[in-house]
C-alpha atoms as a PDB file:
ATOM      1  CA  MET A   1      81.779 103.341 100.324  1.00  0.00           C
ATOM      2  CA  ASN A   2      84.961 104.553  98.696  1.00  0.00           C
ATOM      3  CA  ASP A   3      86.716 104.465 102.076  1.00  0.00           C
ATOM      4  CA  LEU A   4      85.970 100.800 102.415  1.00  0.00           C
ATOM      5  CA  ALA A   5      87.116 100.193  98.929  1.00  0.00           C
ATOM      6  CA  ALA A   6      90.425 101.961  99.492  1.00  0.00           C
ATOM      7  CA  ALA A   7      90.907 100.023 102.769  1.00  0.00           C
ATOM      8  CA  GLY A   8      90.358  96.777 100.857  1.00  0.00           C
ATOM      9  CA  GLN A   9      92.673  97.586  98.074  1.00  0.00           C
ATOM     10  CA  ALA A  10      95.386  98.670 100.469  1.00  0.00           C
ATOM     11  CA  ALA A  11      95.081  95.349 102.369  1.00  0.00           C
ATOM     12  CA  LEU A  12      95.047  93.222  99.123  1.00  0.00           C
ATOM     13  CA  LEU A  13      97.554  95.184  97.027  1.00  0.00           C
ATOM     14  CA  GLN A  14     100.303  96.168  99.343  1.00  0.00           C
ATOM     15  CA  ALA A  15     102.359  97.881  96.692  1.00  0.00           C
ATOM     16  CA  ASN A  16      99.479 100.321  96.044  1.00  0.00           C
ATOM     17  CA  ASP A  17     100.687 103.381  97.990  1.00  0.00           C
ATOM     18  CA  LEU A  18      97.632 105.470  96.749  1.00  0.00           C
ATOM     19  CA  ALA A  19      95.154 102.976  98.107  1.00  0.00           C
ATOM     20  CA  LEU A  20      96.998 102.952 101.362  1.00  0.00           C
ATOM     21  CA  ALA A  21      97.072 106.740 101.634  1.00  0.00           C
ATOM     22  CA  CYS A  22      93.383 107.020 100.816  1.00  0.00           C
ATOM     23  CA  ALA A  23      92.609 104.472 103.643  1.00  0.00           C
ATOM     24  CA  LEU A  24      94.692 106.251 106.146  1.00  0.00           C
ATOM     25  CA  LYS A  25      93.161 109.654 105.246  1.00  0.00           C
ATOM     26  CA  SER A  26      89.582 108.320 105.379  1.00  0.00           C
ATOM     27  CA  PRO A  27      87.285 108.782 108.367  1.00  0.00           C
ATOM     28  CA  LEU A  28      88.032 105.138 109.331  1.00  0.00           C
ATOM     29  CA  VAL A  29      91.719 106.126 110.337  1.00  0.00           C
ATOM     30  CA  GLY A  30      91.637 109.998 110.213  1.00  0.00           C
ATOM     31  CA  LEU A  31      95.167 110.888 109.453  1.00  0.00           C
ATOM     32  CA  ASP A  32      96.040 114.073 107.626  1.00  0.00           C
ATOM     33  CA  ASP A  33      98.690 115.104 105.053  1.00  0.00           C
ATOM     34  CA  ASP A  34     101.318 115.981 107.768  1.00  0.00           C
ATOM     35  CA  ASP A  35     100.760 112.454 109.357  1.00  0.00           C
ATOM     36  CA  LEU A  36     101.262 110.753 105.908  1.00  0.00           C
ATOM     37  CA  ILE A  37     104.522 112.727 105.363  1.00  0.00           C
ATOM     38  CA  ARG A  38     105.829 111.694 108.688  1.00  0.00           C
ATOM     39  CA  ILE A  39     104.956 107.987 108.045  1.00  0.00           C
ATOM     40  CA  ALA A  40     106.538 108.114 104.543  1.00  0.00           C
ATOM     41  CA  ALA A  41     109.768 109.469 105.969  1.00  0.00           C
ATOM     42  CA  ASP A  42     110.087 106.377 108.232  1.00  0.00           C
ATOM     43  CA  ARG A  43     109.516 103.849 105.426  1.00  0.00           C
ATOM     44  CA  PRO A  44     112.347 101.734 104.426  1.00  0.00           C
ATOM     45  CA  GLU A  45     113.766 102.207 100.872  1.00  0.00           C
ATOM     46  CA  VAL A  46     112.291  99.970  98.341  1.00  0.00           C
ATOM     47  CA  VAL A  47     114.494  97.010  97.371  1.00  0.00           C
ATOM     48  CA  ALA A  48     114.330  95.325  94.001  1.00  0.00           C
ATOM     49  CA  THR A  49     112.926  91.845  94.339  1.00  0.00           C
ATOM     50  CA  HIS A  50     112.300  90.929  90.623  1.00  0.00           C
ATOM     51  CA  ARG A  51     114.238  90.863  87.479  1.00  0.00           C
ATOM     52  CA  LEU A  52     112.365  90.637  84.349  1.00  0.00           C
ATOM     53  CA  THR A  53     113.874  89.713  80.873  1.00  0.00           C
ATOM     54  CA  LEU A  54     111.952  90.633  77.830  1.00  0.00           C
ATOM     55  CA  GLY A  55     112.516  90.598  74.116  1.00  0.00           C
ATOM     56  CA  TYR A  56     114.411  93.593  72.878  1.00  0.00           C
ATOM     57  CA  ARG A  57     112.477  96.416  71.166  1.00  0.00           C
ATOM     58  CA  ASP A  58     113.797  99.489  69.539  1.00  0.00           C
ATOM     59  CA  GLY A  59     112.962 102.697  71.411  1.00  0.00           C
ATOM     60  CA  VAL A  60     112.713 101.237  74.958  1.00  0.00           C
ATOM     61  CA  THR A  61     114.816 103.365  77.450  1.00  0.00           C
ATOM     62  CA  SER A  62     115.501 103.458  81.131  1.00  0.00           C
ATOM     63  CA  ALA A  63     113.189 106.541  81.374  1.00  0.00           C
ATOM     64  CA  MET A  64     110.235 104.268  80.686  1.00  0.00           C
ATOM     65  CA  ARG A  65     108.194 102.064  83.124  1.00  0.00           C
ATOM     66  CA  LEU A  66     106.555  98.729  82.715  1.00  0.00           C
ATOM     67  CA  SER A  67     103.054  98.271  84.130  1.00  0.00           C
ATOM     68  CA  LEU A  68     101.564  95.039  85.138  1.00  0.00           C
ATOM     69  CA  GLY A  69      98.114  95.517  86.784  1.00  0.00           C
ATOM     70  CA  PRO A  70      98.609  97.965  89.632  1.00  0.00           C
ATOM     71  CA  ARG A  71     102.333  97.455  89.874  1.00  0.00           C
ATOM     72  CA  ARG A  72     104.893  99.751  88.023  1.00  0.00           C
ATOM     73  CA  PHE A  73     108.432  98.471  87.247  1.00  0.00           C
ATOM     74  CA  ARG A  74     111.267 100.631  86.548  1.00  0.00           C
ATOM     75  CA  ILE A  75     113.552  99.709  83.454  1.00  0.00           C
ATOM     76  CA  ARG A  76     117.014  99.747  84.642  1.00  0.00           C
ATOM     77  CA  ASP A  77     118.713  98.701  81.448  1.00  0.00           C
ATOM     78  CA  ALA A  78     117.723  98.072  77.852  1.00  0.00           C
ATOM     79  CA  THR A  79     120.288  96.334  75.579  1.00  0.00           C
ATOM     80  CA  ASP A  80     120.154  94.360  72.446  1.00  0.00           C
ATOM     81  CA  PRO A  81     121.828  91.028  73.366  1.00  0.00           C
END
């Protein structure tokens, strides 16, 4: 049952690499860790497609991440306008 759930999540949430890896390693597909490493090496580099502007808050740094559901966003800059 978990294998089917991982396959569904991988199909619906394309940014969810963990769900994709679980689905690919499940008996439904049958890949192993070496297969996943080869696949990951061939993936294109991720390109930023969104820019978010939020109200400034003390303590926010570029080492932090913003979470929105299953997605994680890297903070590239934190400045006080």
